[in-house]
Amino acid sequence: MRRLVMVLVVMVFGCGSEPLPQADAKPLTASRDALVSIPGYLAGPYKPQVVDGLTLAAPELANETIELRVWWPQDAQGAIPVVLFSHGNWSDRHKYDRLLEHWASHGYAVIAPTHLDGRSMARGIFNSLRFGQLGLIDARAADLQFLMDNLGSIQAQLPQGVALQVNKLVVAGHSFGAFTAQQFAGAIASDEGAVSRAGDPRVVGVIALSPPGPMFDVIHERSWLNMRGPVLVTTGTWDTNPQFWPDWRMHLMSHETAPGGQQFALVVEGADHYLGNLICRPEREEAPQRDALTMVNAASVAFLNAYLRSDSAAAAFLQSESLQDLTGGFARLTAR
C-alpha cells in the first residue's frame, strides 16, 4: 500500500494529469506600447546559445550521472549570472526552451538537469518506488546542490570564453521542480526528519512556476512557514488538477503561508499548468498560451534583474503591482 501511495504522489507532481475544464478567461487586450513597457516582455539583446548532453559524474548521489542542458548569452561580457532550473515530474531538461531561451536572451546562463523522475513515466515511477517519496524529493535538491558546488566543472565544458558567476545565483523550477527550488528558500517536505536546503549564501532568490499545493502528509500548510523571500510564485486561473488542486488558488499556498517580505505572486488569466503546450508537455494537443508565456517571461526576468543584477527599476516594478494596469487585468503581480 505504501508503494501505491508513492506512485499516486508522483503522478500529480508536474506532468501527470490533465486540468479540469475551465470557464472563459479574460484575454490580453493591452496595447503594444503598454506591453513593451513591461520589463522583460521583449526578448533581450543577446543571442541565446545552447549545448545539450553535458554530464557530471556524481557517484555520491542517487542520480549518479547528471545530464545537463545549458543556455547562455552569446558575447556576454564578464561572468554570466546563473539560474539553476528544475523540471516538472516526468518531464526533462529539453521541454522548457521557450522560457529558458528568453532568460538567456536577457543575459543569464541557465543550467537545466534531468532528475531521476525525468525522461519518462516509467523511469519516474521506477525511481519513486526505489527511493520513496521523500527520497526522491531530497534527490532532486541534491542534484541542484551538486551543480551549485560544481559550476567550475560545468564551465569547463562550455565554449572557451564563457564564464559563469559562481557566488550568486537563482534557483528556479516548474511544478515538482518549483518545490525543489523552494527548498533552497526554506520549504520542507513532511515534518519528521525534514531537511531544509536554505542558508546557502549563493542563492539570492527562487522562482517557483506553478508550485504544488497540499499533498497528503508530504507537502502541507506547514511546509512553507520558514520559506524566506525573495521568492516569485506563478500560477494561472486554469491551473487546476482534478485529484488534488481543483481550485487554482491552492498553488498560492506557499506564497500566502510564507513569512512576508519579498514574496511575489504572478497570476495570469486562463493560464494552465503547462501554458497550453509550451512548457513541460509540448506533446499536448492543447492550444499554446503564448500571451501567458509572455507574462511569465516578463515577471521572471524582472525578478532575475532585481536580484542577480541589483536593478533598482526591476525591483521597483516587482513592488509596484502595476502589471494589472499595463495588461488590462490579464496578469496580476502582487507583493507581500
Protein backbone atom coordinates (compact mmCIF):
# COMPACT_ATOMS: atom_id res chain seq x y z
CA MET A 1 0.00 0.00 0.00
CA ARG A 2 2.83 2.39 0.83
CA ARG A 3 4.28 1.91 -2.64
CA LEU A 4 0.94 2.53 -4.29
CA VAL A 5 0.69 5.81 -2.42
CA MET A 6 4.14 6.75 -3.69
CA VAL A 7 3.03 6.20 -7.27
CA LEU A 8 -0.06 8.35 -6.76
CA VAL A 9 2.05 11.13 -5.29
CA VAL A 10 4.43 11.06 -8.22
CA MET A 11 1.60 11.17 -10.75
CA VAL A 12 0.39 14.57 -9.63
CA PHE A 13 3.76 16.31 -9.48
CA GLY A 14 4.27 18.24 -12.67
CA CYS A 15 3.24 16.37 -15.75
CA GLY A 16 0.99 13.55 -14.61
CA SER A 17 -2.65 14.57 -15.09
CA GLU A 18 -4.93 16.85 -17.08
CA PRO A 19 -6.54 20.02 -15.69
CA LEU A 20 -10.27 20.47 -15.20
CA PRO A 21 -12.46 22.13 -17.86
CA GLN A 22 -12.40 25.86 -17.23
CA ALA A 23 -14.66 28.87 -17.62
CA ASP A 24 -13.82 31.67 -20.04
CA ALA A 25 -10.88 33.84 -19.05
CA LYS A 26 -10.15 37.48 -19.76
CA PRO A 27 -7.96 37.82 -22.88
CA LEU A 28 -4.95 40.07 -23.24
CA THR A 29 -6.17 43.25 -24.91
CA ALA A 30 -3.49 45.71 -23.88
CA SER A 31 -1.84 47.96 -26.45
CA ARG A 32 1.57 47.17 -27.87
CA ASP A 33 3.00 50.29 -26.26
CA ALA A 34 1.77 49.18 -22.84
CA LEU A 35 3.16 45.68 -23.26
CA VAL A 36 6.64 46.68 -24.41
CA SER A 37 6.92 48.95 -21.38
CA ILE A 38 6.83 45.86 -19.14
CA PRO A 39 10.38 44.95 -18.05
CA GLY A 40 11.44 41.68 -19.68
CA TYR A 41 8.44 41.46 -22.03
CA LEU A 42 10.53 41.55 -25.20
CA ALA A 43 13.43 39.24 -25.94
CA GLY A 44 16.69 40.57 -24.61
CA PRO A 45 19.70 41.93 -26.50
CA TYR A 46 21.73 38.72 -26.53
CA LYS A 47 21.60 35.82 -28.97
CA PRO A 48 20.86 32.68 -26.92
CA GLN A 49 23.21 29.73 -27.31
CA VAL A 50 22.59 26.20 -26.04
CA VAL A 51 24.53 22.99 -25.59
CA ASP A 52 22.92 19.70 -24.60
CA GLY A 53 24.17 16.39 -23.29
CA LEU A 54 26.79 17.70 -20.89
CA THR A 55 27.34 15.33 -17.98
CA LEU A 56 28.64 15.46 -14.46
CA ALA A 57 29.64 12.28 -12.66
CA ALA A 58 28.14 12.26 -9.16
CA PRO A 59 28.83 8.82 -7.67
CA GLU A 60 27.87 10.03 -4.20
CA LEU A 61 24.33 10.95 -5.31
CA ALA A 62 21.31 8.83 -6.16
CA ASN A 63 21.47 10.44 -9.63
CA GLU A 64 24.97 9.16 -10.33
CA THR A 65 25.35 10.86 -13.69
CA ILE A 66 23.61 14.21 -14.12
CA GLU A 67 22.81 15.17 -17.70
CA LEU A 68 22.61 18.89 -18.45
CA ARG A 69 21.26 21.35 -20.99
CA VAL A 70 22.90 24.76 -20.69
CA TRP A 71 21.77 28.06 -22.21
CA TRP A 72 23.93 31.19 -22.23
CA PRO A 73 24.01 34.64 -23.88
CA GLN A 74 26.43 34.95 -26.77
CA ASP A 75 29.03 37.70 -26.47
CA ALA A 76 28.14 38.50 -22.85
CA GLN A 77 30.99 40.28 -21.12
CA GLY A 78 32.36 39.13 -17.79
CA ALA A 79 30.97 36.44 -15.52
CA ILE A 80 27.40 35.49 -16.50
CA PRO A 81 24.77 35.28 -13.72
CA VAL A 82 23.45 31.73 -13.29
CA VAL A 83 19.98 30.22 -12.93
CA LEU A 84 19.58 26.55 -11.98
CA PHE A 85 16.32 25.14 -13.37
CA SER A 86 14.44 22.04 -12.13
CA HIS A 87 11.89 20.46 -14.48
CA GLY A 88 8.44 19.07 -13.65
CA ASN A 89 7.83 15.41 -12.91
CA TRP A 90 8.17 13.02 -15.89
CA SER A 91 9.43 15.93 -17.94
CA ASP A 92 13.08 16.71 -18.66
CA ARG A 93 15.62 19.41 -19.39
CA HIS A 94 14.57 19.75 -23.06
CA LYS A 95 10.96 20.85 -22.56
CA TYR A 96 11.31 24.40 -21.26
CA ASP A 97 13.26 26.06 -24.06
CA ARG A 98 10.68 28.80 -24.68
CA LEU A 99 11.27 30.02 -21.14
CA LEU A 100 14.97 29.34 -20.68
CA GLU A 101 15.91 30.79 -24.07
CA HIS A 102 14.18 34.02 -23.07
CA TRP A 103 16.23 34.20 -19.88
CA ALA A 104 19.42 33.63 -21.88
CA SER A 105 18.49 36.47 -24.24
CA HIS A 106 18.48 38.76 -21.20
CA GLY A 107 22.00 37.80 -20.20
CA TYR A 108 21.59 34.74 -17.98
CA ALA A 109 23.16 31.30 -18.10
CA VAL A 110 20.58 28.62 -17.35
CA ILE A 111 21.65 25.14 -16.24
CA ALA A 112 18.89 22.52 -16.52
CA PRO A 113 19.50 18.95 -15.32
CA THR A 114 17.37 15.86 -15.86
CA HIS A 115 16.37 14.41 -12.48
CA LEU A 116 15.73 10.76 -11.59
CA ASP A 117 11.99 11.17 -12.26
CA GLY A 118 12.65 12.71 -15.68
CA ARG A 119 12.55 11.45 -19.27
CA SER A 120 9.53 9.16 -18.98
CA MET A 121 6.65 8.00 -16.79
CA ALA A 122 8.27 4.55 -16.48
CA ARG A 123 11.56 5.99 -15.22
CA GLY A 124 9.74 8.32 -12.86
CA ILE A 125 7.65 5.56 -11.30
CA PHE A 126 10.61 3.19 -11.07
CA ASN A 127 12.69 5.72 -9.16
CA SER A 128 9.79 6.79 -6.95
CA LEU A 129 9.43 3.17 -5.85
CA ARG A 130 13.17 2.81 -5.49
CA PHE A 131 13.78 5.90 -3.35
CA GLY A 132 10.36 6.67 -1.87
CA GLN A 133 8.52 9.98 -1.72
CA LEU A 134 10.91 11.87 0.49
CA GLY A 135 13.94 10.18 -1.03
CA LEU A 136 13.05 11.39 -4.49
CA ILE A 137 12.33 14.90 -3.22
CA ASP A 138 15.71 15.02 -1.49
CA ALA A 139 17.49 13.54 -4.53
CA ARG A 140 16.24 16.40 -6.70
CA ALA A 141 17.52 19.02 -4.27
CA ALA A 142 20.81 17.13 -4.01
CA ASP A 143 21.18 17.36 -7.81
CA LEU A 144 20.89 21.15 -7.67
CA GLN A 145 23.23 21.43 -4.69
CA PHE A 146 25.80 19.35 -6.58
CA LEU A 147 25.53 21.60 -9.63
CA MET A 148 25.90 24.66 -7.41
CA ASP A 149 29.08 23.20 -5.96
CA ASN A 150 30.50 22.24 -9.36
CA LEU A 151 29.88 25.27 -11.55
CA GLY A 152 33.57 25.29 -12.43
CA SER A 153 33.29 21.80 -13.92
CA ILE A 154 30.26 22.87 -15.93
CA GLN A 155 32.03 25.98 -17.20
CA ALA A 156 34.95 23.82 -18.34
CA GLN A 157 32.59 22.01 -20.73
CA LEU A 158 31.30 25.24 -22.29
CA PRO A 159 32.96 27.07 -25.19
CA GLN A 160 36.12 28.96 -24.40
CA GLY A 161 35.37 32.45 -23.14
CA VAL A 162 32.07 31.61 -21.43
CA ALA A 163 32.50 32.46 -17.75
CA LEU A 164 29.89 31.71 -15.06
CA GLN A 165 29.29 33.72 -11.93
CA VAL A 166 29.79 31.19 -9.15
CA ASN A 167 28.97 33.14 -5.96
CA LYS A 168 25.45 34.41 -6.71
CA LEU A 169 22.57 32.56 -8.39
CA VAL A 170 18.82 31.98 -8.56
CA VAL A 171 17.17 28.57 -8.27
CA ALA A 172 14.04 28.08 -10.38
CA GLY A 173 11.68 25.27 -11.30
CA HIS A 174 8.25 24.20 -12.51
CA SER A 175 5.69 22.16 -10.54
CA PHE A 176 7.66 19.41 -8.75
CA GLY A 177 10.72 21.42 -9.71
CA ALA A 178 9.13 24.54 -8.22
CA PHE A 179 9.02 22.82 -4.84
CA THR A 180 12.60 21.66 -5.36
CA ALA A 181 13.58 25.29 -5.90
CA GLN A 182 11.57 26.44 -2.88
CA GLN A 183 13.57 24.10 -0.67
CA PHE A 184 16.53 26.44 -1.17
CA ALA A 185 14.46 29.23 0.38
CA GLY A 186 13.41 27.12 3.38
CA ALA A 187 10.49 24.94 2.25
CA ILE A 188 10.38 21.44 3.74
CA ALA A 189 8.65 18.20 2.82
CA SER A 190 6.89 16.40 5.68
CA ASP A 191 7.87 17.20 9.27
CA GLU A 192 9.75 14.26 10.74
CA GLY A 193 13.40 14.45 9.80
CA ALA A 194 12.70 17.18 7.27
CA VAL A 195 15.79 18.66 5.64
CA SER A 196 15.94 22.30 4.57
CA ARG A 197 18.34 23.41 1.86
CA ALA A 198 18.06 27.04 2.92
CA GLY A 199 21.01 29.08 4.09
CA ASP A 200 23.42 28.87 1.17
CA PRO A 201 24.55 32.49 0.67
CA ARG A 202 24.97 31.93 -3.07
CA VAL A 203 21.19 31.58 -3.52
CA VAL A 204 19.76 35.11 -3.73
CA GLY A 205 16.27 34.20 -4.94
CA VAL A 206 13.84 31.48 -6.03
CA ILE A 207 11.39 31.32 -8.95
CA ALA A 208 8.59 28.76 -8.45
CA LEU A 209 6.36 28.22 -11.50
CA SER A 210 3.07 26.55 -10.51
CA PRO A 211 4.32 25.05 -7.24
CA PRO A 212 2.19 22.32 -5.67
CA GLY A 213 -0.47 22.92 -3.09
CA PRO A 214 -1.05 20.44 -0.25
CA MET A 215 -0.36 16.76 -0.97
CA PHE A 216 -1.15 14.01 1.54
CA ASP A 217 1.21 14.28 4.51
CA VAL A 218 4.21 15.13 2.33
CA ILE A 219 3.52 18.78 1.48
CA HIS A 220 1.08 20.74 3.62
CA GLU A 221 0.28 24.12 5.09
CA ARG A 222 3.37 23.96 7.35
CA SER A 223 5.80 23.29 4.50
CA TRP A 224 6.50 26.97 3.76
CA LEU A 225 6.39 28.56 7.21
CA ASN A 226 10.14 29.19 7.04
CA MET A 227 10.41 29.98 3.32
CA ARG A 228 12.08 33.38 3.17
CA GLY A 229 11.99 35.71 0.20
CA PRO A 230 12.97 36.72 -2.36
CA VAL A 231 10.58 34.21 -3.95
CA LEU A 232 8.44 34.61 -7.07
CA VAL A 233 5.47 32.22 -7.39
CA THR A 234 3.45 31.99 -10.61
CA THR A 235 0.13 30.35 -11.43
CA GLY A 236 -2.94 30.86 -13.60
CA THR A 237 -6.71 30.75 -13.30
CA TRP A 238 -6.81 27.44 -15.22
CA ASP A 239 -4.00 25.85 -13.19
CA THR A 240 -6.06 23.01 -11.72
CA ASN A 241 -5.83 19.28 -11.09
CA PRO A 242 -8.99 17.22 -10.53
CA GLN A 243 -7.45 14.97 -7.86
CA PHE A 244 -5.52 17.40 -5.72
CA TRP A 245 -5.90 21.07 -6.69
CA PRO A 246 -9.42 21.64 -8.05
CA ASP A 247 -9.03 25.32 -7.23
CA TRP A 248 -6.09 27.13 -8.86
CA ARG A 249 -5.65 29.25 -5.73
CA MET A 250 -4.18 26.24 -3.95
CA HIS A 251 -0.97 26.89 -5.92
CA LEU A 252 -0.67 30.13 -3.95
CA MET A 253 -0.49 28.37 -0.58
CA SER A 254 3.30 28.69 -0.49
CA HIS A 255 3.06 32.42 -1.20
CA GLU A 256 0.35 33.01 1.38
CA THR A 257 1.81 30.97 4.25
CA ALA A 258 5.46 32.05 3.93
CA PRO A 259 6.76 34.91 6.06
CA GLY A 260 6.14 38.28 4.45
CA GLY A 261 8.92 40.21 2.80
CA GLN A 262 9.98 39.98 -0.87
CA GLN A 263 7.30 37.38 -1.58
CA PHE A 264 5.85 37.91 -5.06
CA ALA A 265 2.96 36.17 -6.85
CA LEU A 266 2.03 36.32 -10.55
CA VAL A 267 -1.48 35.22 -11.56
CA VAL A 268 -2.35 35.03 -15.26
CA GLU A 269 -5.87 34.79 -16.68
CA GLY A 270 -6.54 31.49 -18.47
CA ALA A 271 -3.06 30.06 -17.83
CA ASP A 272 -2.95 26.35 -17.06
CA HIS A 273 -0.19 24.20 -15.63
CA TYR A 274 1.61 23.82 -18.97
CA LEU A 275 0.72 27.13 -20.64
CA GLY A 276 -1.22 25.03 -23.12
CA ASN A 277 1.66 23.04 -24.57
CA LEU A 278 4.54 25.49 -24.20
CA ILE A 279 6.31 24.04 -21.15
CA CYS A 280 6.70 20.59 -19.56
CA ARG A 281 4.42 18.74 -22.00
CA PRO A 282 4.88 20.00 -25.57
CA GLU A 283 3.17 16.85 -26.84
CA ARG A 284 -0.20 18.04 -25.52
CA GLU A 285 -2.85 18.91 -28.09
CA GLU A 286 -3.97 21.97 -26.14
CA ALA A 287 -3.58 25.37 -27.80
CA PRO A 288 -0.39 27.21 -26.85
CA GLN A 289 -0.98 30.02 -24.35
CA ARG A 290 1.57 32.42 -25.81
CA ASP A 291 0.25 35.53 -24.06
CA ALA A 292 0.51 33.75 -20.72
CA LEU A 293 4.08 32.75 -21.52
CA THR A 294 5.00 36.38 -22.18
CA MET A 295 3.74 37.29 -18.70
CA VAL A 296 5.76 34.52 -17.06
CA ASN A 297 8.80 35.52 -19.13
CA ALA A 298 8.45 39.18 -18.18
CA ALA A 299 7.84 38.73 -14.44
CA SER A 300 10.67 36.21 -14.13
CA VAL A 301 13.14 38.44 -15.99
CA ALA A 302 12.18 41.37 -13.75
CA PHE A 303 12.87 39.12 -10.75
CA LEU A 304 16.23 37.99 -12.16
CA ASN A 305 17.24 41.55 -12.95
CA ALA A 306 16.27 42.72 -9.47
CA TYR A 307 18.17 40.05 -7.56
CA LEU A 308 21.02 38.98 -9.83
CA ARG A 309 21.83 42.42 -11.26
CA SER A 310 20.59 44.66 -8.41
CA ASP A 311 18.46 46.52 -10.95
CA SER A 312 16.51 49.11 -8.97
CA ALA A 313 13.97 49.69 -11.74
CA ALA A 314 13.15 45.98 -11.87
CA ALA A 315 12.87 45.86 -8.08
CA ALA A 316 10.50 48.82 -8.12
CA PHE A 317 8.39 47.13 -10.80
CA LEU A 318 8.04 43.99 -8.67
CA GLN A 319 6.83 46.08 -5.75
CA SER A 320 4.59 48.41 -7.78
CA GLU A 321 1.77 45.98 -8.64
CA SER A 322 1.40 47.91 -11.92
CA LEU A 323 1.26 44.84 -14.17
CA GLN A 324 -2.51 44.58 -13.77
CA ASP A 325 -3.00 48.07 -15.23
CA LEU A 326 -0.50 47.55 -18.04
CA THR A 327 -2.21 44.32 -19.15
CA GLY A 328 -5.82 45.38 -18.61
CA GLY A 329 -6.23 42.84 -15.81
CA PHE A 330 -4.84 39.90 -17.79
CA ALA A 331 -1.96 39.45 -15.34
CA ARG A 332 -1.55 40.48 -11.71
CA LEU A 333 1.74 40.72 -9.86
CA THR A 334 1.44 41.28 -6.13
CA ALA A 335 3.96 41.62 -3.33
CA ARG A 336 3.78 40.92 0.38
